[in-house]
Amino acid sequence: MSLALAALLALQTTPPSLDFARETRGTGPARLLVLISVDQLIPEQLDRLAPWLTGGLARFVREGRVFPRAELRHGDTETGPGHAAYGTGRLPRNNGIISNDWFARDTRGSVYCFADPDARAVTDRGVLDEVATSPRNLRCDGIADLLEAARPGSLSFAVSSKDRSAIGMSGKRADLALWWDKKRGGFRSSTWYGSELPEWVRVHNSDWQERLPFAGGWKSELPERFEGSGTAPDEREGEAGRAGQRSFPHPVPPRGANLDDKALATLAMWVYEGAASDVMVCDVARAAVDALALGRDDVPDLLCVSLSACDTVGHAYGPGSVEVTDVILRADRELGRLFAQLDERVGRGRWVASLSADHGVLELPEALAPLGYPARRITGREIADTFKDARNAVAAKFGKDYFAVGNYRGLRLDGAALAADGIDARAVRELYASELLARGTSWMEHAVTWDELRAVAREGAAPRSGLIAMEANSFDEERTSDVVTLQKAYTLPGVAAGTAHGTPHSYDRRIPLAFLGAGVSAGRDWRDASSIDALPTLFSLAGVAVPAGLDGRSLVER
């Protein structure tokens, strides 16, 4: 047995610590709660890169309480639901954010998780005639709302390059949420939070190109001695990337004050899709700490920061890639700068933070197959044929197929047509589920009806499998499809290159969970845990009463 394996087994047999929370004598209660999310960060990344972490992630690993068995408990493992679960302490079945998009009822369209037809974009130019996003689709309060209710006068600020991340992890009543403007660069918001950006945001946006630390493009900054890091070769089979840019360095588009709208959008999107987005997010987060005086009085404030580059880059190159490794090491350094600022401005021991992720991810099938995993890519034709055959079978039975819209994760029926014809929708759903499963045996794990998921989620019916239990935790009466389907493990449907996530399979549910700061003792805790436990745990550590009705629980043992 290797020394490394022996050490790991020793850690795994260590009983859970009973002193998660330690006394913080002479410092007082926490004045700032910090939620950190690293989109698509799987816990194995922290393990393999631990020797090279020196900043904020290193502090979580070495000074924090780490929960190695943490995982999501819902089925649709995407960014919107992942951040909403983290920020509300409730499962999607109770917070309403079941996926990034869901099929609209009785139409052939879809609804974005934080779409708001009444909200308008707010940029440096003021309010635009451009539909924006907001937390109106949340069915419950989030951490900003709950903190304000418990401690009136608290301030809440959230930032990410993605709107669904900043909105989902903060709640309905954050004082301000910002996300990256993919058309113009800089940060934007929506009228939900006010009719104009604060002056400090406008000033920060005014020189965003000068702040961009990638003048010569994105170049790898991996350490020279990097043996044992588990990082894959720079270019490998299955990577997507951009044409001619599948290995370092990755060139930056033209930049300058005189860019036209198209060139400016190209540069802004380059920031959003690569490592630069995390740098810009942490930059504006540090500006917010000073501009809003977060954590400067005895009413605890809230800071939510979600870093998205691990996801945008990970989709193209895979979690073991050089690109993702570089992104994580940069995120570590940027979070280190943020935490040093919090130590100075708020006071070491006067702030408490959690680290988690919205979902995991599957490694590239081309990397897994040689290791013996049943990994492969499912073609769009294979999926289309399965649905076509099922639709034909339903039409043969009922005279029509009643199909409205669908994809590899399920379908929505034409409710108006069913009602007009007097057809029992449940019977159609059941036939679709059985036919899809029978005709998609090469790639489909299960097909589950709305009725079965409702029975599990709302009536306490026993699920047929653990996977269906997770799917039921993503159930919503209005938003869930009539039939929910799932591909087999280690397969990617309709993705020709790169990778994806979104399933209840274990690799998509694996997430980090760690706590750092006021009242936290260092160590590994092998209890089961999930991101929904972060909110009640932070409240406990900050001396704020834990709200009733959460799906998560406080991990503090006093």
Protein backbone atom coordinates (compact mmCIF):
# COMPACT_ATOMS: atom_id res chain seq x y z
CA MET A 1 0.00 0.00 0.00
CA SER A 2 1.35 3.43 -0.94
CA LEU A 3 1.90 6.07 1.71
CA ALA A 4 -0.59 8.34 -0.06
CA LEU A 5 -3.29 5.66 -0.01
CA ALA A 6 -2.57 4.82 3.60
CA ALA A 7 -2.89 8.47 4.56
CA LEU A 8 -6.20 8.76 2.71
CA LEU A 9 -7.60 5.68 4.43
CA ALA A 10 -6.51 7.04 7.79
CA LEU A 11 -8.41 10.25 7.12
CA GLN A 12 -11.49 8.33 6.07
CA THR A 13 -11.57 6.31 9.27
CA THR A 14 -11.18 9.36 11.48
CA PRO A 15 -14.49 9.94 13.30
CA PRO A 16 -16.29 13.21 12.65
CA SER A 17 -14.99 16.04 14.79
CA LEU A 18 -17.25 17.28 17.54
CA ASP A 19 -15.65 20.74 17.70
CA PHE A 20 -16.52 22.20 14.30
CA ALA A 21 -17.10 25.57 15.94
CA ARG A 22 -14.41 26.94 18.21
CA GLU A 23 -14.63 29.92 20.48
CA THR A 24 -13.42 33.24 19.03
CA ARG A 25 -12.38 34.90 22.25
CA GLY A 26 -11.77 38.61 22.11
CA THR A 27 -12.97 39.09 18.57
CA GLY A 28 -16.76 39.16 18.76
CA PRO A 29 -19.30 37.71 16.33
CA ALA A 30 -18.78 37.64 12.58
CA ARG A 31 -19.57 40.91 10.84
CA LEU A 32 -19.53 39.54 7.30
CA LEU A 33 -20.88 36.33 5.75
CA VAL A 34 -19.18 35.30 2.51
CA LEU A 35 -20.52 32.77 0.00
CA ILE A 36 -17.91 31.64 -2.50
CA SER A 37 -18.93 29.46 -5.44
CA VAL A 38 -16.53 28.10 -8.04
CA ASP A 39 -18.68 26.94 -10.93
CA GLN A 40 -18.00 23.29 -11.95
CA LEU A 41 -15.29 22.84 -9.29
CA ILE A 42 -15.12 19.18 -8.31
CA PRO A 43 -13.48 18.36 -4.97
CA GLU A 44 -10.83 16.23 -6.67
CA GLN A 45 -9.39 19.45 -8.10
CA LEU A 46 -8.58 20.71 -4.62
CA ASP A 47 -6.98 17.39 -3.71
CA ARG A 48 -4.77 17.08 -6.79
CA LEU A 49 -3.69 20.73 -6.76
CA ALA A 50 -3.31 21.14 -2.99
CA PRO A 51 0.53 21.33 -3.06
CA TRP A 52 0.37 24.29 -5.45
CA LEU A 53 -2.46 26.26 -3.81
CA THR A 54 -1.24 29.35 -1.97
CA GLY A 55 -4.22 31.73 -1.81
CA GLY A 56 -7.90 31.64 -0.94
CA LEU A 57 -8.57 28.03 -1.91
CA ALA A 58 -5.49 27.05 0.09
CA ARG A 59 -6.97 28.73 3.16
CA PHE A 60 -10.15 26.67 2.83
CA VAL A 61 -8.12 23.47 2.46
CA ARG A 62 -5.62 24.14 5.25
CA GLU A 63 -7.41 26.42 7.70
CA GLY A 64 -11.02 25.47 7.05
CA ARG A 65 -13.44 22.67 7.83
CA VAL A 66 -13.72 20.50 4.70
CA PHE A 67 -16.55 18.04 3.99
CA PRO A 68 -15.11 15.52 1.47
CA ARG A 69 -18.40 13.62 1.10
CA ALA A 70 -20.44 16.64 0.07
CA GLU A 71 -22.76 16.24 -2.91
CA LEU A 72 -25.86 17.80 -4.41
CA ARG A 73 -29.21 16.20 -3.61
CA HIS A 74 -31.16 17.19 -6.70
CA GLY A 75 -31.36 15.79 -10.20
CA ASP A 76 -30.85 18.65 -12.66
CA THR A 77 -27.30 19.68 -11.87
CA GLU A 78 -26.97 22.98 -13.70
CA THR A 79 -25.81 26.47 -12.77
CA GLY A 80 -29.20 28.04 -11.98
CA PRO A 81 -30.49 25.34 -9.64
CA GLY A 82 -27.06 24.82 -8.10
CA HIS A 83 -26.68 28.44 -7.09
CA ALA A 84 -30.30 28.72 -5.95
CA ALA A 85 -29.91 25.67 -3.70
CA TYR A 86 -26.68 27.09 -2.27
CA GLY A 87 -28.24 30.50 -1.67
CA THR A 88 -31.62 29.42 -0.28
CA GLY A 89 -30.79 26.30 1.73
CA ARG A 90 -33.69 24.62 -0.06
CA LEU A 91 -33.94 21.96 -2.73
CA PRO A 92 -35.26 22.92 -6.18
CA ARG A 93 -38.56 21.24 -5.37
CA ASN A 94 -39.05 24.01 -2.79
CA ASN A 95 -37.20 26.98 -4.30
CA GLY A 96 -38.64 26.55 -7.82
CA ILE A 97 -35.39 26.85 -9.80
CA ILE A 98 -35.37 23.36 -11.26
CA SER A 99 -33.00 23.90 -14.22
CA ASN A 100 -31.35 26.61 -16.29
CA ASP A 101 -34.36 26.51 -18.62
CA TRP A 102 -37.65 24.66 -18.57
CA PHE A 103 -40.34 24.08 -21.17
CA ALA A 104 -43.10 26.65 -20.93
CA ARG A 105 -46.53 25.20 -20.26
CA ASP A 106 -48.84 25.00 -23.31
CA THR A 107 -46.30 26.58 -25.66
CA ARG A 108 -43.38 25.34 -27.69
CA GLY A 109 -40.99 27.77 -26.02
CA SER A 110 -38.81 27.70 -22.95
CA VAL A 111 -38.35 29.83 -19.85
CA TYR A 112 -34.94 30.94 -18.59
CA CYS A 113 -34.59 30.31 -14.88
CA PHE A 114 -34.31 34.00 -13.95
CA ALA A 115 -36.21 35.52 -16.86
CA ASP A 116 -38.29 38.56 -16.01
CA PRO A 117 -40.28 40.21 -18.80
CA ASP A 118 -40.79 43.28 -16.60
CA ALA A 119 -37.10 43.83 -15.79
CA ARG A 120 -34.79 45.94 -17.95
CA ALA A 121 -31.03 45.96 -18.26
CA VAL A 122 -29.15 48.59 -16.28
CA THR A 123 -25.70 49.55 -17.57
CA ASP A 124 -23.44 52.60 -17.53
CA ARG A 125 -25.84 54.06 -20.07
CA GLY A 126 -28.74 53.82 -17.64
CA VAL A 127 -31.89 51.74 -18.16
CA LEU A 128 -31.96 50.12 -21.59
CA ASP A 129 -34.95 48.93 -23.57
CA GLU A 130 -33.63 45.40 -23.19
CA VAL A 131 -35.39 42.65 -21.24
CA ALA A 132 -33.27 41.52 -18.32
CA THR A 133 -33.31 39.06 -15.43
CA SER A 134 -34.30 39.04 -11.76
CA PRO A 135 -35.07 36.65 -8.88
CA ARG A 136 -38.84 36.79 -9.44
CA ASN A 137 -38.97 33.06 -10.30
CA LEU A 138 -37.65 32.06 -6.88
CA ARG A 139 -40.46 30.54 -4.83
CA CYS A 140 -38.80 31.19 -1.46
CA ASP A 141 -36.50 33.61 0.32
CA GLY A 142 -32.75 33.49 -0.15
CA ILE A 143 -29.86 34.24 2.15
CA ALA A 144 -30.02 38.02 1.62
CA ASP A 145 -33.72 38.04 2.52
CA LEU A 146 -33.29 35.83 5.56
CA LEU A 147 -30.32 37.79 6.85
CA GLU A 148 -32.16 41.10 6.47
CA ALA A 149 -35.17 39.65 8.31
CA ALA A 150 -32.98 38.45 11.16
CA ARG A 151 -30.66 41.45 11.26
CA PRO A 152 -32.35 44.56 9.82
CA GLY A 153 -29.88 46.94 8.25
CA SER A 154 -27.62 44.26 6.81
CA LEU A 155 -26.18 44.93 3.34
CA SER A 156 -26.03 42.24 0.64
CA PHE A 157 -23.94 42.30 -2.52
CA ALA A 158 -23.54 39.55 -5.14
CA VAL A 159 -21.35 39.34 -8.23
CA SER A 160 -20.55 36.79 -10.93
CA SER A 161 -19.92 36.76 -14.63
CA LYS A 162 -23.28 34.91 -14.92
CA ASP A 163 -26.58 36.52 -13.99
CA ARG A 164 -28.08 33.22 -12.83
CA SER A 165 -25.19 32.75 -10.41
CA ALA A 166 -25.27 36.21 -8.81
CA ILE A 167 -29.07 36.19 -8.59
CA GLY A 168 -29.51 32.59 -7.50
CA MET A 169 -27.00 32.63 -4.66
CA SER A 170 -28.19 35.90 -3.10
CA GLY A 171 -32.00 35.81 -3.11
CA LYS A 172 -34.80 38.24 -3.79
CA ARG A 173 -33.74 41.27 -1.79
CA ALA A 174 -30.02 41.69 -2.26
CA ASP A 175 -29.09 45.36 -2.28
CA LEU A 176 -27.19 44.85 -5.52
CA ALA A 177 -26.34 41.99 -7.86
CA LEU A 178 -23.93 42.43 -10.77
CA TRP A 179 -22.94 40.24 -13.70
CA TRP A 180 -20.70 40.62 -16.73
CA ASP A 181 -22.00 42.52 -19.75
CA LYS A 182 -21.25 40.17 -22.66
CA LYS A 183 -22.08 42.87 -25.20
CA ARG A 184 -20.16 45.86 -23.88
CA GLY A 185 -17.88 44.65 -21.11
CA GLY A 186 -17.96 45.81 -17.53
CA PHE A 187 -20.70 44.85 -15.09
CA ARG A 188 -24.43 45.32 -15.43
CA SER A 189 -27.56 44.72 -13.37
CA SER A 190 -31.32 44.97 -13.80
CA THR A 191 -34.09 47.31 -12.72
CA TRP A 192 -35.01 44.82 -10.00
CA TYR A 193 -32.09 46.32 -8.03
CA GLY A 194 -32.52 49.97 -9.04
CA SER A 195 -32.70 52.35 -11.97
CA GLU A 196 -28.98 53.08 -12.22
CA LEU A 197 -25.65 51.57 -11.35
CA PRO A 198 -23.97 53.07 -8.31
CA GLU A 199 -21.25 55.60 -9.06
CA TRP A 200 -18.50 53.28 -7.83
CA VAL A 201 -19.60 50.61 -10.33
CA ARG A 202 -19.65 53.10 -13.21
CA VAL A 203 -16.16 54.25 -12.27
CA HIS A 204 -14.98 50.66 -12.07
CA ASN A 205 -16.49 49.89 -15.48
CA SER A 206 -14.96 52.93 -17.15
CA ASP A 207 -11.50 51.41 -17.47
CA TRP A 208 -12.25 47.70 -17.57
CA GLN A 209 -10.03 47.15 -20.59
CA GLU A 210 -7.09 48.70 -18.76
CA ARG A 211 -7.81 46.44 -15.80
CA LEU A 212 -7.76 43.34 -18.02
CA PRO A 213 -4.43 41.62 -17.20
CA PHE A 214 -4.20 39.68 -20.45
CA ALA A 215 -2.56 42.14 -22.83
CA GLY A 216 -0.56 39.38 -24.52
CA GLY A 217 -3.43 36.88 -24.47
CA TRP A 218 -4.10 34.06 -22.06
CA LYS A 219 -0.81 32.33 -21.29
CA SER A 220 -0.35 29.36 -19.01
CA GLU A 221 1.11 30.22 -15.62
CA LEU A 222 1.52 26.68 -14.30
CA PRO A 223 4.51 26.07 -12.04
CA GLU A 224 7.64 24.73 -13.70
CA ARG A 225 7.78 21.69 -11.42
CA PHE A 226 4.28 20.30 -11.69
CA GLU A 227 4.80 16.55 -11.55
CA GLY A 228 2.05 14.64 -9.78
CA SER A 229 -0.62 17.28 -10.38
CA GLY A 230 -2.76 14.97 -12.53
CA THR A 231 -2.95 17.56 -15.29
CA ALA A 232 -3.57 16.21 -18.80
CA PRO A 233 -1.46 17.15 -21.85
CA ASP A 234 -2.15 20.59 -23.30
CA GLU A 235 -4.03 19.28 -26.33
CA ARG A 236 -5.95 16.02 -26.28
CA GLU A 237 -8.68 14.18 -28.11
CA GLY A 238 -12.18 15.35 -27.29
CA GLU A 239 -11.37 18.95 -26.48
CA ALA A 240 -13.48 21.58 -28.16
CA GLY A 241 -11.89 24.95 -27.69
CA ARG A 242 -11.82 27.38 -30.58
CA ALA A 243 -10.42 26.66 -34.00
CA GLY A 244 -6.65 26.94 -33.84
CA GLN A 245 -6.76 27.69 -30.11
CA ARG A 246 -6.82 24.29 -28.44
CA SER A 247 -3.47 24.83 -26.73
CA PHE A 248 -1.69 27.67 -24.98
CA PRO A 249 -1.28 30.55 -25.55
CA HIS A 250 -4.84 31.66 -26.32
CA PRO A 251 -4.78 35.00 -28.17
CA VAL A 252 -6.86 37.94 -27.02
CA PRO A 253 -9.06 39.81 -29.54
CA PRO A 254 -8.22 43.41 -30.43
CA ARG A 255 -8.73 45.89 -27.63
CA GLY A 256 -8.80 49.67 -27.38
CA ALA A 257 -10.97 52.71 -26.85
CA ASN A 258 -12.15 52.91 -30.45
CA LEU A 259 -13.62 49.43 -30.90
CA ASP A 260 -16.90 49.26 -32.77
CA ASP A 261 -19.86 47.45 -31.23
CA LYS A 262 -19.01 44.11 -32.85
CA ALA A 263 -15.36 44.19 -31.82
CA LEU A 264 -16.29 45.28 -28.29
CA ALA A 265 -18.75 42.38 -28.00
CA THR A 266 -16.06 39.98 -29.23
CA LEU A 267 -13.64 41.17 -26.55
CA ALA A 268 -16.32 41.15 -23.83
CA MET A 269 -17.29 37.57 -24.74
CA TRP A 270 -13.63 36.53 -24.70
CA VAL A 271 -13.47 37.74 -21.10
CA TYR A 272 -16.68 35.90 -20.21
CA GLU A 273 -15.58 32.60 -21.72
CA GLY A 274 -12.06 32.45 -20.31
CA ALA A 275 -9.86 32.88 -17.27
CA ALA A 276 -10.20 36.67 -17.37
CA SER A 277 -13.76 36.58 -16.03
CA ASP A 278 -12.68 35.41 -12.57
CA VAL A 279 -10.07 38.16 -12.37
CA MET A 280 -12.67 40.79 -13.23
CA VAL A 281 -15.24 39.38 -10.79
CA CYS A 282 -12.79 39.36 -7.88
CA ASP A 283 -11.65 42.84 -8.85
CA VAL A 284 -15.16 44.28 -8.57
CA ALA A 285 -15.82 42.25 -5.39
CA ARG A 286 -12.84 43.94 -3.75
CA ALA A 287 -14.13 47.31 -4.92
CA ALA A 288 -17.53 46.53 -3.38
CA VAL A 289 -15.99 45.68 0.00
CA ASP A 290 -14.62 49.21 0.20
CA ALA A 291 -17.43 51.11 -1.57
CA LEU A 292 -20.19 49.50 0.52
CA ALA A 293 -18.11 49.28 3.72
CA LEU A 294 -19.12 45.63 4.05
CA GLY A 295 -18.57 44.17 7.49
CA ARG A 296 -17.64 47.47 9.12
CA ASP A 297 -20.28 47.50 11.87
CA ASP A 298 -21.91 44.98 14.15
CA VAL A 299 -24.84 44.30 11.83
CA PRO A 300 -23.57 41.37 9.71
CA ASP A 301 -23.43 41.94 5.96
CA LEU A 302 -23.35 39.49 3.05
CA LEU A 303 -20.91 39.10 0.17
CA CYS A 304 -21.65 36.52 -2.56
CA VAL A 305 -18.97 35.80 -5.17
CA SER A 306 -19.32 33.19 -7.91
CA LEU A 307 -16.39 32.43 -10.21
CA SER A 308 -17.50 30.97 -13.55
CA ALA A 309 -14.33 30.39 -15.57
CA CYS A 310 -13.86 26.82 -14.32
CA ASP A 311 -17.21 26.07 -16.00
CA THR A 312 -16.93 28.05 -19.23
CA VAL A 313 -13.42 26.72 -19.79
CA GLY A 314 -14.23 23.27 -18.44
CA HIS A 315 -17.02 22.73 -20.97
CA ALA A 316 -14.53 23.21 -23.78
CA TYR A 317 -11.45 21.44 -22.41
CA GLY A 318 -12.55 19.09 -19.62
CA PRO A 319 -11.76 19.18 -15.88
CA GLY A 320 -8.32 17.60 -16.18
CA SER A 321 -7.08 20.03 -18.82
CA VAL A 322 -4.19 22.45 -18.61
CA GLU A 323 -6.68 25.27 -19.17
CA VAL A 324 -8.90 24.36 -16.21
CA THR A 325 -5.86 23.80 -14.01
CA ASP A 326 -4.60 27.26 -14.88
CA VAL A 327 -8.05 28.72 -14.13
CA ILE A 328 -8.15 27.11 -10.68
CA LEU A 329 -4.69 28.32 -9.72
CA ARG A 330 -5.63 31.85 -10.81
CA ALA A 331 -8.88 31.66 -8.82
CA ASP A 332 -6.85 30.59 -5.79
CA ARG A 333 -4.65 33.68 -6.11
CA GLU A 334 -7.57 36.06 -6.70
CA LEU A 335 -9.51 34.72 -3.71
CA GLY A 336 -6.33 35.06 -1.67
CA ARG A 337 -6.24 38.77 -2.48
CA LEU A 338 -9.91 39.13 -1.55
CA PHE A 339 -9.45 37.32 1.77
CA ALA A 340 -6.37 39.40 2.63
CA GLN A 341 -8.49 42.50 2.08
CA LEU A 342 -11.22 41.10 4.36
CA ASP A 343 -8.62 40.39 7.05
CA GLU A 344 -7.49 43.99 6.85
CA ARG A 345 -10.83 45.78 6.44
CA VAL A 346 -13.21 43.57 8.42
CA GLY A 347 -10.70 41.89 10.71
CA ARG A 348 -9.32 38.39 10.81
CA GLY A 349 -11.77 36.34 12.85
CA ARG A 350 -14.64 38.75 12.11
CA TRP A 351 -15.78 37.17 8.83
CA VAL A 352 -16.86 33.64 7.94
CA ALA A 353 -16.99 32.06 4.50
CA SER A 354 -18.25 28.98 2.74
CA LEU A 355 -16.91 27.40 -0.43
CA SER A 356 -19.01 25.23 -2.71
CA ALA A 357 -19.99 24.68 -6.33
CA ASP A 358 -23.20 24.54 -8.31
CA HIS A 359 -22.47 21.13 -9.86
CA GLY A 360 -19.76 18.70 -10.89
CA VAL A 361 -18.86 17.53 -14.38
CA LEU A 362 -17.96 14.51 -16.49
CA GLU A 363 -14.40 14.12 -17.74
CA LEU A 364 -13.99 13.88 -21.51
CA PRO A 365 -15.30 10.48 -22.69
CA GLU A 366 -12.14 10.07 -24.78
CA ALA A 367 -10.11 10.21 -21.56
CA LEU A 368 -12.41 7.85 -19.64
CA ALA A 369 -12.95 5.10 -22.22
CA PRO A 370 -9.31 3.86 -22.17
CA LEU A 371 -9.62 3.50 -18.39
CA GLY A 372 -12.51 1.06 -18.76
CA TYR A 373 -15.47 3.39 -18.23
CA PRO A 374 -18.51 2.90 -20.51
CA ALA A 375 -18.00 6.44 -21.77
CA ARG A 376 -19.20 7.62 -25.16
CA ARG A 377 -20.90 10.45 -26.99
CA ILE A 378 -24.53 9.97 -28.01
CA THR A 379 -25.33 11.45 -31.39
CA GLY A 380 -28.22 13.78 -31.99
CA ARG A 381 -29.51 11.30 -34.57
CA GLU A 382 -29.69 8.53 -31.97
CA ILE A 383 -31.73 10.77 -29.67
CA ALA A 384 -33.98 11.99 -32.48
CA ASP A 385 -34.71 8.45 -33.63
CA THR A 386 -35.71 7.42 -30.10
CA PHE A 387 -38.18 10.27 -29.82
CA LYS A 388 -39.49 9.76 -33.35
CA ASP A 389 -40.25 6.09 -32.69
CA ALA A 390 -41.95 6.91 -29.39
CA ARG A 391 -44.07 9.62 -31.00
CA ASN A 392 -45.19 7.20 -33.70
CA ALA A 393 -46.19 4.65 -31.06
CA VAL A 394 -48.21 7.23 -29.12
CA ALA A 395 -49.92 8.44 -32.32
CA ALA A 396 -50.84 4.86 -33.19
CA LYS A 397 -52.50 4.46 -29.80
CA PHE A 398 -54.24 7.83 -29.41
CA GLY A 399 -54.56 9.10 -32.98
CA LYS A 400 -52.15 11.98 -32.29
CA ASP A 401 -48.74 12.13 -30.60
CA TYR A 402 -49.59 15.29 -28.58
CA PHE A 403 -45.90 16.17 -28.56
CA ALA A 404 -45.17 19.87 -28.02
CA VAL A 405 -41.42 20.15 -27.39
CA GLY A 406 -38.61 17.98 -26.07
CA ASN A 407 -34.91 17.24 -25.82
CA TYR A 408 -32.69 14.50 -24.41
CA ARG A 409 -33.87 15.36 -20.86
CA GLY A 410 -37.58 15.04 -21.48
CA LEU A 411 -40.68 16.34 -23.22
CA ARG A 412 -43.71 18.55 -22.76
CA LEU A 413 -47.12 17.58 -24.13
CA ASP A 414 -49.63 19.82 -25.87
CA GLY A 415 -52.01 20.31 -22.94
CA ALA A 416 -54.55 22.31 -24.92
CA ALA A 417 -54.85 19.60 -27.57
CA LEU A 418 -55.20 16.89 -24.92
CA ALA A 419 -57.98 18.81 -23.21
CA ALA A 420 -59.77 19.56 -26.48
CA ASP A 421 -59.75 15.89 -27.43
CA GLY A 422 -60.70 14.66 -23.97
CA ILE A 423 -57.57 12.51 -23.70
CA ASP A 424 -56.19 11.55 -20.28
CA ALA A 425 -52.78 13.25 -20.06
CA ARG A 426 -51.55 10.76 -17.50
CA ALA A 427 -52.13 7.85 -19.87
CA VAL A 428 -50.19 9.64 -22.61
CA ARG A 429 -47.34 10.39 -20.23
CA GLU A 430 -47.15 6.77 -19.15
CA LEU A 431 -47.09 5.51 -22.72
CA TYR A 432 -44.38 7.98 -23.68
CA ALA A 433 -42.25 6.91 -20.72
CA SER A 434 -42.51 3.22 -21.55
CA GLU A 435 -41.96 3.72 -25.28
CA LEU A 436 -38.97 6.01 -24.84
CA LEU A 437 -37.30 3.58 -22.50
CA ALA A 438 -38.01 0.61 -24.76
CA ARG A 439 -36.72 2.36 -27.87
CA GLY A 440 -33.77 4.15 -26.26
CA THR A 441 -32.17 1.16 -24.57
CA SER A 442 -28.76 1.96 -26.06
CA TRP A 443 -28.50 5.30 -24.24
CA MET A 444 -31.39 5.88 -21.84
CA GLU A 445 -31.22 5.12 -18.10
CA HIS A 446 -34.84 5.95 -17.27
CA ALA A 447 -37.94 7.84 -18.37
CA VAL A 448 -40.11 9.07 -15.50
CA THR A 449 -43.54 10.68 -15.67
CA TRP A 450 -44.57 13.94 -14.03
CA ASP A 451 -47.04 11.90 -11.99
CA GLU A 452 -44.41 9.60 -10.52
CA LEU A 453 -42.12 12.49 -9.63
CA ARG A 454 -44.98 14.34 -7.98
CA ALA A 455 -45.86 11.28 -5.90
CA VAL A 456 -42.29 11.03 -4.63
CA ALA A 457 -41.78 14.78 -4.10
CA ARG A 458 -45.15 15.68 -2.58
CA GLU A 459 -46.78 12.50 -1.29
CA GLY A 460 -43.82 10.62 0.16
CA ALA A 461 -43.99 7.72 -2.30
CA ALA A 462 -40.93 5.48 -2.31
CA PRO A 463 -38.70 6.20 -5.34
CA ARG A 464 -37.78 3.29 -7.58
CA SER A 465 -34.11 4.30 -7.41
CA GLY A 466 -31.78 6.83 -5.88
CA LEU A 467 -31.56 8.60 -9.23
CA ILE A 468 -35.33 9.06 -9.34
CA ALA A 469 -35.23 10.38 -5.76
CA MET A 470 -32.83 13.07 -6.99
CA GLU A 471 -35.07 13.82 -9.97
CA ALA A 472 -38.00 14.23 -7.56
CA ASN A 473 -35.99 16.80 -5.60
CA SER A 474 -36.00 18.84 -8.82
CA PHE A 475 -39.78 18.58 -9.24
CA ASP A 476 -42.09 21.56 -9.64
CA GLU A 477 -45.78 21.18 -10.53
CA GLU A 478 -45.72 23.96 -13.12
CA ARG A 479 -42.17 23.73 -14.45
CA THR A 480 -41.35 20.01 -14.62
CA SER A 481 -41.71 18.26 -17.99
CA ASP A 482 -44.44 15.68 -18.59
CA VAL A 483 -41.75 13.02 -18.98
CA VAL A 484 -38.21 13.37 -17.60
CA THR A 485 -35.50 11.26 -19.22
CA LEU A 486 -31.92 10.50 -18.25
CA GLN A 487 -29.00 9.18 -20.25
CA LYS A 488 -26.84 6.35 -18.97
CA ALA A 489 -23.83 7.18 -16.82
CA TYR A 490 -20.64 8.40 -18.52
CA THR A 491 -22.42 9.34 -21.72
CA LEU A 492 -22.79 12.77 -23.32
CA PRO A 493 -25.87 13.35 -25.48
CA GLY A 494 -25.56 15.60 -28.49
CA VAL A 495 -22.15 17.01 -27.51
CA ALA A 496 -19.63 16.51 -30.31
CA ALA A 497 -16.64 17.82 -28.32
CA GLY A 498 -15.90 19.08 -24.84
CA THR A 499 -18.02 17.98 -21.90
CA ALA A 500 -21.18 18.78 -19.94
CA HIS A 501 -23.15 18.13 -16.75
CA GLY A 502 -26.78 18.24 -15.65
CA THR A 503 -27.59 14.71 -14.49
CA PRO A 504 -28.11 13.10 -11.06
CA HIS A 505 -25.19 10.76 -11.75
CA SER A 506 -22.58 10.95 -8.99
CA TYR A 507 -19.93 12.76 -11.03
CA ASP A 508 -22.33 15.65 -11.68
CA ARG A 509 -23.38 15.86 -8.02
CA ARG A 510 -19.88 15.85 -6.50
CA ILE A 511 -19.07 19.28 -5.07
CA PRO A 512 -16.68 20.80 -2.55
CA LEU A 513 -18.01 22.15 0.73
CA ALA A 514 -15.78 23.97 3.20
CA PHE A 515 -16.02 26.69 5.83
CA LEU A 516 -13.40 29.21 6.85
CA GLY A 517 -13.06 32.04 9.32
CA ALA A 518 -14.75 33.11 12.51
CA GLY A 519 -15.52 30.18 14.76
CA VAL A 520 -14.28 27.46 12.40
CA SER A 521 -11.75 24.84 13.45
CA ALA A 522 -9.62 23.23 10.74
CA GLY A 523 -10.01 19.60 9.71
CA ARG A 524 -11.89 17.12 7.57
CA ASP A 525 -15.39 16.09 8.52
CA TRP A 526 -16.71 12.88 6.93
CA ARG A 527 -20.38 13.42 7.64
CA ASP A 528 -22.77 13.59 4.70
CA ALA A 529 -23.27 17.18 3.64
CA SER A 530 -24.54 19.31 0.78
CA SER A 531 -24.48 22.89 -0.44
CA ILE A 532 -27.95 23.44 1.08
CA ASP A 533 -26.24 23.11 4.47
CA ALA A 534 -24.09 26.20 3.86
CA LEU A 535 -26.73 28.82 4.71
CA PRO A 536 -27.77 27.38 8.09
CA THR A 537 -24.14 26.67 8.96
CA LEU A 538 -23.03 30.23 8.19
CA PHE A 539 -25.92 31.58 10.24
CA SER A 540 -24.93 29.37 13.18
CA LEU A 541 -21.31 30.47 12.97
CA ALA A 542 -22.34 34.13 12.82
CA GLY A 543 -24.70 33.83 15.77
CA VAL A 544 -27.80 34.39 13.63
CA ALA A 545 -30.86 32.26 14.34
CA VAL A 546 -31.25 29.54 11.71
CA PRO A 547 -34.59 30.00 9.90
CA ALA A 548 -37.17 27.26 10.09
CA GLY A 549 -38.26 25.31 7.04
CA LEU A 550 -34.90 24.91 5.31
CA ASP A 551 -33.97 21.63 3.62
CA GLY A 552 -30.37 22.06 4.74
CA ARG A 553 -29.13 21.80 8.31
CA SER A 554 -26.44 23.49 10.36
CA LEU A 555 -23.28 21.42 10.47
CA VAL A 556 -22.14 23.12 13.65
CA GLU A 557 -22.15 20.86 16.69
CA ARG A 558 -22.18 22.86 19.89
